[in-house]
Amino acid sequence: MSTDVTVDPATSAPGPERTPSGPDGQRGTWALSWHGVRTVAVLDLRQRVRSTRWIVALAVWFVVVGAITWLTWVAAHRAFGMAGGSSTADLQSTAPIGAAAGPTIFGLIVFFVLFLGLLVSPTLSATSINGDRAAGTLATLQVTLLTPAEIAVGKLLAAWAAALAFLATSVPFLVLALAAGGTPVLSVVVCLLVLSILLAVVCAIGLGFSALTARPSGSAVLTYLSVASLTVLSPIVFGLTFPAISSNDEVRVWSVPADFNWEAGVAPQCEWTTQTQQQWHTERTWWLLAINPFVIVADAAPEARGDAATYSFDPLGGIRTAVREARTGPSGEVDYCSGNYPGVDGWEESPSSPVAQREPDRSVVWPWGLAANLLLGGAGLAIAVRRLTIPQHTLPRGTRVA
């Protein structure tokens, strides 16, 4: 006598329990668990570690950053040493050459590390989804209990961890630049934090294009174009907008009287006239610069300290000042009177021009730019999750499912 027994595969098959989120007991598309994210991230990282190209890339990165650090160190010290020994005598008497060169070295190395990071990061995520789809391994993940969000976030976490490994190899050189003097210790912490967030944004953008396009080469190109738009195209567009934001405005112009006797040996009393001059209202387009990753890092970094802030060339501080002046816009007054002329007594002791120049906007710019970059990265992650949702009704021609 035989008895038919019906076995429910869903209850008999071993495996992690599902977390019900609806009537069908299925987990939602955006459901996340640390176990699922960690599983995908570990799988991706193991594939990277097994490759010898990973070790070679890290070694090349370390050598290149080290060489640039050494060249920057030598060039900066020689430049400031020559300036101190010739025309800038105050440099040697007031600030040591090392302290004056410190902000220069630190700023250039930070920019170079960011530049290399923006070059490497797209290769870490721009082929993670379509590459697995072409290899036939993506479908294996999609039919498991992993949700699309866990797959996407796990791959993003793996790509970000790989990018942070490159950034970690640059830390000794940033500390070495900090040892040159003139740069606050907080600058290293702030710059590393902002660099880490920007690298995560680039990885998220590459992940989105990887899910959106069928070929890895296409997603890599689109990711590089996005990075180039943020870094190179944004200042170009800012410059091209000058004709559109210029206008002829009435401004107050301060100048030396035409009948002033320069042989009197005293400072002149400036006079003003109202003239119509062309003004560029950059307060309307400053945001084009704020989204630039280099501007974000420069504006977020603390200012140089001590005499180095006066005598050194600080790339971070120069960009910070330029962007904040662009945010301020034109002052409405032009000063052609103040200055220092040989043989004129009292020119330096008392201001020769009563022009009240508009102070630049001191408020920070980097939160706006970083928020815009995070929105782009969030959009890339959302696209990846949406494209990983199954079933897919339509697939690009030639796409391999399994």
Protein backbone atom coordinates (compact mmCIF):
# COMPACT_ATOMS: atom_id res chain seq x y z
CA MET A 1 0.00 0.00 0.00
CA SER A 2 1.52 3.25 -1.07
CA THR A 3 0.88 6.67 0.32
CA ASP A 4 1.44 9.80 -1.76
CA VAL A 5 3.22 12.50 0.17
CA THR A 6 3.35 16.01 -1.17
CA VAL A 7 6.44 17.96 -0.19
CA ASP A 8 6.62 21.72 -0.48
CA PRO A 9 10.08 22.59 -1.88
CA ALA A 10 9.92 26.05 -0.35
CA THR A 11 9.68 24.58 3.17
CA SER A 12 11.98 21.58 2.75
CA ALA A 13 14.90 23.17 0.94
CA PRO A 14 17.65 24.36 3.29
CA GLY A 15 18.81 27.92 3.17
CA PRO A 16 18.31 31.30 4.79
CA GLU A 17 14.78 32.22 5.74
CA ARG A 18 12.92 34.74 3.67
CA THR A 19 11.78 37.95 5.27
CA PRO A 20 8.14 38.42 4.24
CA SER A 21 7.30 41.84 2.94
CA GLY A 22 4.09 41.17 1.09
CA PRO A 23 1.26 38.70 0.59
CA ASP A 24 3.47 36.39 -1.49
CA GLY A 25 6.17 36.26 1.16
CA GLN A 26 8.78 37.62 -1.22
CA ARG A 27 11.31 40.25 -0.20
CA GLY A 28 11.02 43.62 -1.85
CA THR A 29 13.35 44.98 -4.49
CA TRP A 30 14.93 47.44 -2.07
CA ALA A 31 15.11 45.06 0.89
CA LEU A 32 18.59 45.09 2.39
CA SER A 33 20.41 42.88 4.85
CA TRP A 34 24.03 43.06 5.91
CA HIS A 35 24.46 39.34 5.21
CA GLY A 36 23.33 39.70 1.61
CA VAL A 37 25.40 42.81 0.91
CA ARG A 38 28.46 41.24 2.52
CA THR A 39 28.05 38.04 0.49
CA VAL A 40 28.06 39.88 -2.83
CA ALA A 41 30.90 42.18 -1.79
CA VAL A 42 33.10 39.29 -0.65
CA LEU A 43 32.50 37.41 -3.89
CA ASP A 44 33.53 40.42 -5.95
CA LEU A 45 36.57 41.19 -3.81
CA ARG A 46 37.79 37.58 -3.98
CA GLN A 47 37.71 37.75 -7.76
CA ARG A 48 39.79 40.91 -7.68
CA VAL A 49 42.32 39.60 -5.18
CA ARG A 50 42.92 36.44 -7.18
CA SER A 51 44.04 38.52 -10.16
CA THR A 52 47.73 39.45 -10.31
CA ARG A 53 46.81 42.66 -12.10
CA TRP A 54 45.36 43.90 -8.82
CA ILE A 55 48.75 43.69 -7.08
CA VAL A 56 50.53 45.20 -10.07
CA ALA A 57 48.08 48.12 -10.17
CA LEU A 58 48.62 48.87 -6.49
CA ALA A 59 52.39 48.72 -6.92
CA VAL A 60 52.30 51.04 -9.93
CA TRP A 61 50.04 53.46 -8.04
CA PHE A 62 52.45 53.52 -5.09
CA VAL A 63 55.48 54.15 -7.32
CA VAL A 64 53.76 56.88 -9.36
CA VAL A 65 52.45 58.78 -6.32
CA GLY A 66 55.86 58.44 -4.66
CA ALA A 67 57.65 59.79 -7.72
CA ILE A 68 55.30 62.74 -8.01
CA THR A 69 55.70 63.47 -4.30
CA TRP A 70 59.48 63.51 -4.60
CA LEU A 71 59.44 65.72 -7.70
CA THR A 72 56.98 68.11 -6.09
CA TRP A 73 59.04 68.24 -2.90
CA VAL A 74 62.27 69.06 -4.76
CA ALA A 75 60.66 71.59 -7.12
CA ALA A 76 58.80 73.43 -4.35
CA HIS A 77 61.83 73.70 -2.06
CA ARG A 78 64.04 74.91 -4.88
CA ALA A 79 61.46 77.44 -6.02
CA PHE A 80 60.92 78.89 -2.55
CA GLY A 81 64.63 78.73 -1.80
CA MET A 82 65.47 80.76 -4.91
CA ALA A 83 62.73 83.25 -4.09
CA GLY A 84 63.99 83.61 -0.56
CA GLY A 85 67.58 84.15 -1.68
CA SER A 86 66.84 86.76 -4.33
CA SER A 87 63.85 89.06 -4.30
CA THR A 88 61.83 87.84 -1.32
CA ALA A 89 64.10 88.35 1.64
CA ASP A 90 61.21 88.34 4.07
CA LEU A 91 60.52 84.71 3.20
CA GLN A 92 63.71 83.46 4.81
CA SER A 93 63.56 85.82 7.78
CA THR A 94 59.90 85.26 8.64
CA ALA A 95 58.99 81.75 7.51
CA PRO A 96 61.21 78.72 6.95
CA ILE A 97 61.43 77.50 3.39
CA GLY A 98 59.95 74.15 4.37
CA ALA A 99 56.93 75.72 6.03
CA ALA A 100 56.36 77.99 3.05
CA ALA A 101 56.59 75.09 0.61
CA GLY A 102 54.40 72.80 2.76
CA PRO A 103 50.96 73.96 1.54
CA THR A 104 52.19 73.83 -2.06
CA ILE A 105 53.42 70.26 -1.72
CA PHE A 106 50.32 69.09 0.14
CA GLY A 107 47.87 70.71 -2.27
CA LEU A 108 49.55 69.35 -5.39
CA ILE A 109 49.76 65.82 -3.98
CA VAL A 110 46.09 65.88 -2.93
CA PHE A 111 45.08 66.98 -6.42
CA PHE A 112 47.25 64.33 -8.03
CA VAL A 113 45.80 61.58 -5.83
CA LEU A 114 42.30 62.77 -6.72
CA PHE A 115 43.22 62.80 -10.39
CA LEU A 116 44.50 59.22 -10.28
CA GLY A 117 41.49 58.14 -8.24
CA LEU A 118 39.11 59.55 -10.83
CA LEU A 119 41.00 57.60 -13.49
CA VAL A 120 41.03 54.27 -11.64
CA SER A 121 37.58 54.24 -10.01
CA PRO A 122 35.54 53.90 -13.24
CA THR A 123 37.41 50.70 -14.10
CA LEU A 124 36.41 49.17 -10.76
CA SER A 125 32.63 49.40 -11.20
CA ALA A 126 31.84 50.25 -14.83
CA THR A 127 32.01 46.56 -15.84
CA SER A 128 30.78 44.86 -12.67
CA ILE A 129 27.22 44.14 -13.83
CA ASN A 130 27.40 43.81 -17.62
CA GLY A 131 30.69 41.94 -17.24
CA ASP A 132 29.05 39.35 -14.98
CA ARG A 133 26.09 39.18 -17.34
CA ALA A 134 28.41 38.50 -20.28
CA ALA A 135 30.20 35.80 -18.27
CA GLY A 136 26.91 34.16 -17.29
CA THR A 137 27.40 34.61 -13.53
CA LEU A 138 24.92 37.40 -12.89
CA ALA A 139 21.86 35.19 -13.40
CA THR A 140 23.14 32.87 -10.68
CA LEU A 141 22.95 35.72 -8.17
CA GLN A 142 19.58 36.92 -9.41
CA VAL A 143 17.85 33.56 -8.84
CA THR A 144 19.02 33.35 -5.22
CA LEU A 145 17.33 34.94 -2.22
CA LEU A 146 19.45 38.05 -2.75
CA THR A 147 17.44 41.14 -3.61
CA PRO A 148 18.43 43.50 -6.45
CA ALA A 149 19.37 46.13 -3.88
CA GLU A 150 21.69 43.71 -2.08
CA ILE A 151 23.40 42.77 -5.34
CA ALA A 152 23.85 46.40 -6.39
CA VAL A 153 24.99 47.66 -2.98
CA GLY A 154 27.31 44.69 -2.56
CA LYS A 155 28.99 45.35 -5.89
CA LEU A 156 29.23 49.05 -5.08
CA LEU A 157 30.78 48.25 -1.71
CA ALA A 158 33.34 45.97 -3.36
CA ALA A 159 34.31 48.58 -5.94
CA TRP A 160 34.53 51.27 -3.26
CA ALA A 161 36.72 49.04 -1.06
CA ALA A 162 39.06 48.51 -4.00
CA ALA A 163 39.21 52.26 -4.60
CA LEU A 164 39.93 52.87 -0.92
CA ALA A 165 42.83 50.41 -1.15
CA PHE A 166 44.43 52.67 -3.75
CA LEU A 167 43.71 55.70 -1.59
CA ALA A 168 45.26 53.98 1.44
CA THR A 169 48.55 53.56 -0.39
CA SER A 170 48.66 57.34 -0.81
CA VAL A 171 48.35 58.09 2.91
CA PRO A 172 52.13 57.89 3.62
CA PHE A 173 52.81 60.53 0.99
CA LEU A 174 50.09 62.83 2.33
CA VAL A 175 51.61 62.49 5.79
CA LEU A 176 55.04 63.23 4.30
CA ALA A 177 53.64 66.38 2.69
CA LEU A 178 52.12 67.31 6.04
CA ALA A 179 55.56 67.02 7.63
CA ALA A 180 56.79 69.84 5.38
CA GLY A 181 54.90 72.24 7.66
CA GLY A 182 52.34 74.97 7.22
CA THR A 183 49.40 72.56 6.83
CA PRO A 184 47.03 71.67 9.70
CA VAL A 185 46.86 68.02 10.70
CA LEU A 186 43.09 68.18 10.20
CA SER A 187 43.70 68.72 6.48
CA VAL A 188 44.78 65.11 6.00
CA VAL A 189 41.68 63.78 7.75
CA VAL A 190 39.29 66.09 5.88
CA CYS A 191 40.88 65.50 2.48
CA LEU A 192 40.89 61.71 2.91
CA LEU A 193 37.25 61.76 3.99
CA VAL A 194 36.14 63.90 1.04
CA LEU A 195 38.26 61.88 -1.39
CA SER A 196 36.66 58.66 -0.11
CA ILE A 197 33.15 60.02 -0.67
CA LEU A 198 34.00 61.25 -4.18
CA LEU A 199 35.46 57.86 -5.10
CA ALA A 200 32.24 56.21 -3.89
CA VAL A 201 30.25 58.58 -6.11
CA VAL A 202 32.31 57.67 -9.17
CA CYS A 203 31.91 53.96 -8.39
CA ALA A 204 28.13 54.43 -8.10
CA ILE A 205 27.98 56.26 -11.43
CA GLY A 206 29.97 53.47 -13.09
CA LEU A 207 27.67 50.86 -11.53
CA GLY A 208 24.64 52.60 -13.02
CA PHE A 209 26.12 52.67 -16.51
CA SER A 210 27.20 49.05 -16.10
CA ALA A 211 23.60 48.06 -15.50
CA LEU A 212 22.25 50.35 -18.20
CA THR A 213 24.47 49.26 -21.12
CA ALA A 214 25.09 45.81 -22.55
CA ARG A 215 28.80 46.13 -23.33
CA PRO A 216 31.49 46.81 -20.72
CA SER A 217 33.35 49.11 -23.09
CA GLY A 218 30.28 51.31 -23.49
CA SER A 219 29.70 51.65 -19.76
CA ALA A 220 33.38 52.46 -19.17
CA VAL A 221 33.31 55.20 -21.80
CA LEU A 222 30.10 56.71 -20.40
CA THR A 223 31.55 56.70 -16.89
CA TYR A 224 34.71 58.46 -18.04
CA LEU A 225 32.60 61.02 -19.90
CA SER A 226 30.65 61.71 -16.72
CA VAL A 227 33.85 62.18 -14.73
CA ALA A 228 35.25 64.44 -17.45
CA SER A 229 32.06 66.51 -17.40
CA LEU A 230 32.41 67.12 -13.68
CA THR A 231 36.13 67.88 -13.71
CA VAL A 232 36.93 69.43 -17.10
CA LEU A 233 33.67 70.43 -18.74
CA SER A 234 32.27 72.30 -15.74
CA PRO A 235 34.96 75.08 -15.70
CA ILE A 236 34.84 75.26 -19.50
CA VAL A 237 31.08 75.80 -19.46
CA PHE A 238 31.56 78.36 -16.67
CA GLY A 239 33.93 80.32 -18.90
CA LEU A 240 31.63 80.04 -21.92
CA THR A 241 28.75 81.54 -19.95
CA PHE A 242 30.57 84.85 -19.47
CA PRO A 243 28.94 86.54 -22.49
CA ALA A 244 25.51 85.50 -21.21
CA ILE A 245 26.05 86.80 -17.67
CA SER A 246 27.78 90.08 -18.61
CA SER A 247 25.97 93.40 -18.53
CA ASN A 248 26.81 97.09 -18.71
CA ASP A 249 26.28 98.45 -15.21
CA GLU A 250 26.79 101.79 -13.54
CA VAL A 251 29.86 101.51 -11.31
CA ARG A 252 31.74 103.95 -9.11
CA VAL A 253 35.32 104.39 -10.30
CA TRP A 254 37.96 105.84 -7.95
CA SER A 255 41.01 107.43 -9.60
CA VAL A 256 43.78 109.99 -9.04
CA PRO A 257 42.79 113.56 -10.00
CA ALA A 258 44.07 114.55 -13.43
CA ASP A 259 45.74 117.74 -12.09
CA PHE A 260 47.52 116.00 -9.20
CA ASN A 261 51.11 117.18 -8.68
CA TRP A 262 53.22 114.04 -8.35
CA GLU A 263 56.28 116.12 -7.40
CA ALA A 264 54.64 117.22 -4.16
CA GLY A 265 55.65 113.95 -2.53
CA VAL A 266 52.36 113.38 -0.70
CA ALA A 267 49.59 110.90 -1.26
CA PRO A 268 46.75 112.15 -3.48
CA GLN A 269 43.13 112.48 -2.44
CA CYS A 270 41.19 110.11 -4.66
CA GLU A 271 38.05 111.22 -6.43
CA TRP A 272 35.28 109.14 -7.91
CA THR A 273 33.12 109.27 -10.99
CA THR A 274 30.26 107.13 -12.21
CA GLN A 275 30.94 105.15 -15.35
CA THR A 276 29.26 102.39 -17.31
CA GLN A 277 31.43 99.31 -17.39
CA GLN A 278 30.98 95.68 -18.29
CA GLN A 279 30.39 93.48 -15.24
CA TRP A 280 30.34 89.69 -15.07
CA HIS A 281 27.69 88.39 -12.69
CA THR A 282 29.34 85.12 -11.72
CA GLU A 283 27.02 84.85 -8.73
CA ARG A 284 24.57 83.30 -11.19
CA THR A 285 26.84 80.52 -12.44
CA TRP A 286 29.18 79.76 -9.53
CA TRP A 287 27.46 76.43 -9.03
CA LEU A 288 29.11 75.18 -12.23
CA LEU A 289 32.39 75.31 -10.35
CA ALA A 290 30.97 73.98 -7.09
CA ILE A 291 30.19 70.55 -8.60
CA ASN A 292 33.82 70.06 -9.62
CA PRO A 293 35.50 67.40 -7.42
CA PHE A 294 38.72 69.45 -7.24
CA VAL A 295 36.77 72.47 -6.02
CA ILE A 296 34.98 70.34 -3.42
CA VAL A 297 38.26 69.07 -1.98
CA ALA A 298 39.90 72.51 -2.06
CA ASP A 299 36.98 74.26 -0.37
CA ALA A 300 36.60 71.58 2.30
CA ALA A 301 40.30 71.56 3.28
CA PRO A 302 41.25 73.79 6.24
CA GLU A 303 43.28 76.90 5.49
CA ALA A 304 47.06 77.01 5.80
CA ARG A 305 48.33 78.20 9.15
CA GLY A 306 50.93 80.67 10.35
CA ASP A 307 53.37 82.41 8.04
CA ALA A 308 52.83 79.75 5.38
CA ALA A 309 49.40 81.22 4.70
CA THR A 310 51.10 84.53 3.75
CA TYR A 311 54.27 83.48 1.99
CA SER A 312 53.37 80.19 0.34
CA PHE A 313 51.48 79.27 -2.80
CA ASP A 314 48.55 77.17 -1.64
CA PRO A 315 46.68 75.48 -4.54
CA LEU A 316 43.81 74.53 -2.25
CA GLY A 317 43.51 78.05 -0.85
CA GLY A 318 43.76 79.65 -4.30
CA ILE A 319 40.86 77.62 -5.68
CA ARG A 320 38.87 78.20 -2.50
CA THR A 321 39.27 81.97 -2.78
CA ALA A 322 38.51 82.06 -6.51
CA VAL A 323 35.28 80.11 -6.18
CA ARG A 324 34.03 82.18 -3.25
CA GLU A 325 34.79 85.39 -5.13
CA ALA A 326 32.87 84.03 -8.10
CA ARG A 327 29.96 83.34 -5.77
CA THR A 328 30.12 86.94 -4.50
CA GLY A 329 29.94 88.54 -7.95
CA PRO A 330 31.00 92.07 -8.93
CA SER A 331 31.34 94.69 -6.21
CA GLY A 332 30.00 97.67 -8.17
CA GLU A 333 33.13 99.76 -7.45
CA VAL A 334 36.48 99.92 -9.21
CA ASP A 335 39.64 101.28 -7.60
CA TYR A 336 42.32 102.79 -9.86
CA CYS A 337 43.74 104.97 -7.12
CA SER A 338 45.22 102.90 -4.33
CA GLY A 339 48.77 101.67 -4.66
CA ASN A 340 52.36 102.31 -3.67
CA TYR A 341 54.38 104.78 -5.70
CA PRO A 342 58.07 105.57 -5.00
CA GLY A 343 58.70 109.05 -3.67
CA VAL A 344 55.17 109.58 -2.38
CA ASP A 345 55.06 109.86 1.40
CA GLY A 346 52.13 108.56 3.40
CA TRP A 347 50.84 106.25 0.66
CA GLU A 348 51.20 103.14 2.76
CA GLU A 349 50.41 104.71 6.14
CA SER A 350 46.91 105.86 5.25
CA PRO A 351 44.52 104.43 2.68
CA SER A 352 44.57 106.59 -0.39
CA SER A 353 41.21 105.34 -1.65
CA PRO A 354 37.96 105.18 0.35
CA VAL A 355 36.68 102.31 -1.79
CA ALA A 356 34.72 99.84 0.27
CA GLN A 357 35.28 96.71 -1.77
CA ARG A 358 32.70 94.01 -1.28
CA GLU A 359 34.02 91.24 0.91
CA PRO A 360 33.88 87.81 -0.76
CA ASP A 361 31.26 85.40 0.42
CA ARG A 362 32.93 83.43 3.22
CA SER A 363 30.30 80.69 3.37
CA VAL A 364 31.47 77.25 2.33
CA VAL A 365 30.76 75.92 -1.14
CA TRP A 366 31.70 72.26 -0.85
CA PRO A 367 28.42 71.01 0.75
CA TRP A 368 26.47 72.11 -2.33
CA GLY A 369 28.89 70.46 -4.73
CA LEU A 370 29.17 67.30 -2.66
CA ALA A 371 25.38 67.04 -2.43
CA ALA A 372 25.09 67.31 -6.22
CA ASN A 373 27.70 64.57 -6.66
CA LEU A 374 25.91 62.36 -4.14
CA LEU A 375 22.67 62.80 -6.08
CA LEU A 376 24.43 61.60 -9.23
CA GLY A 377 25.81 58.60 -7.37
CA GLY A 378 22.40 57.85 -5.88
CA ALA A 379 20.86 57.97 -9.35
CA GLY A 380 23.46 55.49 -10.59
CA LEU A 381 22.70 53.11 -7.72
CA ALA A 382 18.94 53.42 -8.29
CA ILE A 383 19.37 52.60 -11.98
CA ALA A 384 21.44 49.54 -11.10
CA VAL A 385 18.79 48.25 -8.68
CA ARG A 386 16.04 48.86 -11.22
CA ARG A 387 17.91 47.02 -13.98
CA LEU A 388 18.67 44.06 -11.71
CA THR A 389 15.00 43.50 -10.90
CA ILE A 390 13.64 40.26 -12.34
CA PRO A 391 11.83 39.30 -14.41
CA GLN A 392 13.07 41.60 -17.15
CA HIS A 393 10.52 41.99 -19.91
CA THR A 394 12.99 43.22 -22.51
CA LEU A 395 16.74 42.67 -22.79
CA PRO A 396 19.24 44.34 -25.14
CA ARG A 397 20.03 42.36 -28.27
CA GLY A 398 22.83 39.88 -27.75
CA THR A 399 22.55 39.93 -23.96
CA ARG A 400 23.43 36.66 -22.29
CA VAL A 401 21.03 35.57 -19.55
CA ALA A 402 22.82 32.52 -18.12
